[in-house]
Protein backbone atom coordinates (compact mmCIF):
# COMPACT_ATOMS: atom_id res chain seq x y z
CA ILE A 1 -56.81 -127.49 -87.87
CA ILE A 2 -60.09 -129.21 -86.49
CA PHE A 3 -59.70 -132.37 -84.34
CA ASN A 4 -62.58 -134.68 -83.98
CA LYS A 5 -62.03 -135.99 -80.54
CA VAL A 6 -64.26 -138.88 -79.68
CA MET A 7 -64.48 -139.71 -75.95
CA LYS A 8 -64.68 -143.36 -75.14
CA ILE A 9 -67.46 -143.94 -72.62
CA ASN A 10 -66.62 -146.08 -69.65
CA TYR A 11 -69.42 -148.23 -68.98
CA VAL A 12 -67.73 -149.91 -65.95
CA GLN A 13 -69.00 -147.08 -63.56
CA VAL A 14 -72.62 -146.91 -64.61
CA THR A 15 -75.01 -146.14 -61.93
CA ILE A 16 -78.79 -146.25 -62.06
CA TYR A 17 -80.31 -143.36 -60.09
CA LYS A 18 -83.64 -141.84 -58.98
CA ILE A 19 -84.28 -138.24 -58.61
CA THR A 20 -87.25 -137.42 -56.27
CA ASN A 21 -89.01 -134.22 -55.67
CA ASP A 22 -89.25 -133.54 -51.80
CA ILE A 23 -92.72 -131.83 -52.09
CA ASP A 24 -94.90 -134.19 -54.19
CA GLU A 25 -92.54 -137.26 -54.52
CA PHE A 26 -92.77 -137.18 -58.27
CA PHE A 27 -89.51 -139.07 -59.50
CA TYR A 28 -87.29 -139.52 -62.52
CA ILE A 29 -85.18 -142.75 -63.08
CA GLY A 30 -82.08 -142.30 -65.08
CA SER A 31 -78.68 -143.91 -65.65
CA THR A 32 -75.25 -142.18 -65.97
CA THR A 33 -71.51 -143.00 -66.37
CA LYS A 34 -70.68 -140.02 -64.33
CA LYS A 35 -68.37 -140.84 -61.30
CA HIS A 36 -70.44 -138.73 -58.91
CA LEU A 37 -74.15 -138.56 -58.80
CA SER A 38 -73.94 -135.03 -57.71
CA ASP A 39 -72.36 -134.23 -61.03
CA ARG A 40 -75.32 -135.88 -62.96
CA MET A 41 -77.75 -133.80 -60.79
CA TRP A 42 -76.01 -130.51 -61.37
CA LEU A 43 -76.26 -131.38 -65.19
CA HIS A 44 -79.99 -131.88 -64.93
CA ALA A 45 -80.46 -128.87 -62.67
CA SER A 46 -78.37 -126.60 -65.09
CA SER A 47 -79.96 -127.94 -68.15
CA SER A 48 -83.40 -127.25 -66.79
CA MET A 49 -82.76 -123.61 -66.74
CA ASP A 50 -81.24 -123.48 -70.10
CA LEU A 51 -84.18 -122.91 -72.58
CA LYS A 52 -81.94 -123.65 -75.48
CA VAL A 53 -81.51 -127.35 -74.48
CA SER A 54 -83.50 -129.56 -76.76
CA ASN A 55 -85.26 -131.39 -74.06
CA CYS A 56 -86.11 -128.35 -71.94
CA LYS A 57 -89.74 -128.99 -71.95
CA CYS A 58 -89.36 -132.52 -70.54
CA HIS A 59 -91.46 -133.10 -67.51
CA LEU A 60 -88.36 -133.32 -65.19
CA TYR A 61 -87.01 -129.95 -66.28
CA GLN A 62 -90.35 -128.36 -65.95
CA HIS A 63 -90.66 -129.85 -62.57
CA PHE A 64 -87.31 -128.33 -61.67
CA ARG A 65 -88.36 -124.75 -62.92
CA ARG A 66 -91.61 -124.82 -61.17
CA LEU A 67 -90.52 -126.00 -57.74
CA GLY A 68 -86.94 -125.18 -57.57
CA GLN A 69 -83.79 -127.29 -58.18
CA PHE A 70 -83.10 -127.62 -54.37
CA LYS A 71 -86.35 -129.42 -53.76
CA PHE A 72 -84.93 -132.42 -55.45
CA SER A 73 -82.78 -135.13 -54.09
CA ILE A 74 -80.93 -137.94 -56.02
CA GLU A 75 -80.37 -141.51 -54.78
CA LEU A 76 -78.25 -144.31 -56.01
CA LEU A 77 -80.48 -147.26 -57.12
CA GLU A 78 -77.67 -149.66 -58.19
CA ASP A 79 -74.08 -149.64 -59.46
CA PHE A 80 -74.32 -151.48 -62.70
CA PRO A 81 -70.94 -152.19 -64.42
CA CYS A 82 -71.40 -153.11 -67.98
CA SER A 83 -69.87 -153.02 -71.24
CA SER A 84 -72.38 -151.03 -73.64
CA ARG A 85 -74.93 -148.34 -73.67
CA GLY A 86 -77.60 -151.04 -74.71
CA GLU A 87 -76.70 -152.82 -71.36
CA MET A 88 -76.98 -149.69 -69.45
CA VAL A 89 -80.42 -148.63 -70.89
CA SER A 90 -82.00 -152.00 -70.55
CA ARG A 91 -80.95 -152.17 -66.84
CA GLU A 92 -82.43 -148.44 -66.48
CA GLN A 93 -85.58 -149.81 -68.26
CA GLU A 94 -85.88 -152.64 -65.71
CA TRP A 95 -85.85 -150.13 -62.81
CA MET A 96 -88.58 -148.05 -64.42
CA ASP A 97 -90.61 -151.29 -64.95
CA TYR A 98 -89.96 -152.12 -61.24
CA HIS A 99 -91.46 -148.71 -60.24
CA LEU A 100 -94.44 -149.24 -62.52
CA TYR A 101 -96.96 -149.36 -59.53
CA THR A 102 -96.14 -145.78 -58.79
CA TRP A 103 -95.89 -144.65 -62.45
CA ASP A 104 -98.45 -142.07 -62.08
CA ARG A 105 -95.95 -139.88 -60.24
CA ALA A 106 -93.06 -140.64 -62.80
CA LEU A 107 -91.43 -137.83 -64.63
CA ASN A 108 -90.04 -140.07 -67.17
CA GLN A 109 -91.89 -139.53 -70.62
CA ARG A 110 -90.85 -142.52 -72.31
CA ARG A 111 -88.93 -145.89 -72.05
CA ALA A 112 -85.16 -145.92 -71.65
CA MET A 113 -83.86 -145.66 -75.21
CA LYS A 114 -81.08 -147.40 -76.78
């Protein structure tokens, strides 16, 4: 018997965050429904070391591997309760646009995706 369990995502606890490298100040802006930012940071760090992960070649993960995961910090930009993934990534994109003046140091490779 196989059960197809679909987890309902709770968008009420969305946070927009920024990961910054302590050495060269390159940064990544993201969003998550994780309750604790440390959980999201751990997922990024562990995924960066798993070359089987589909996006292991993304700039953020390459930076993690090159400089070491302990050279990065995560900060809360905003708590953003919303009701859908679309709202969440739209707000994430607004934060990316806000940081456009320093985009030459951004590790995001593309716009936030719906």
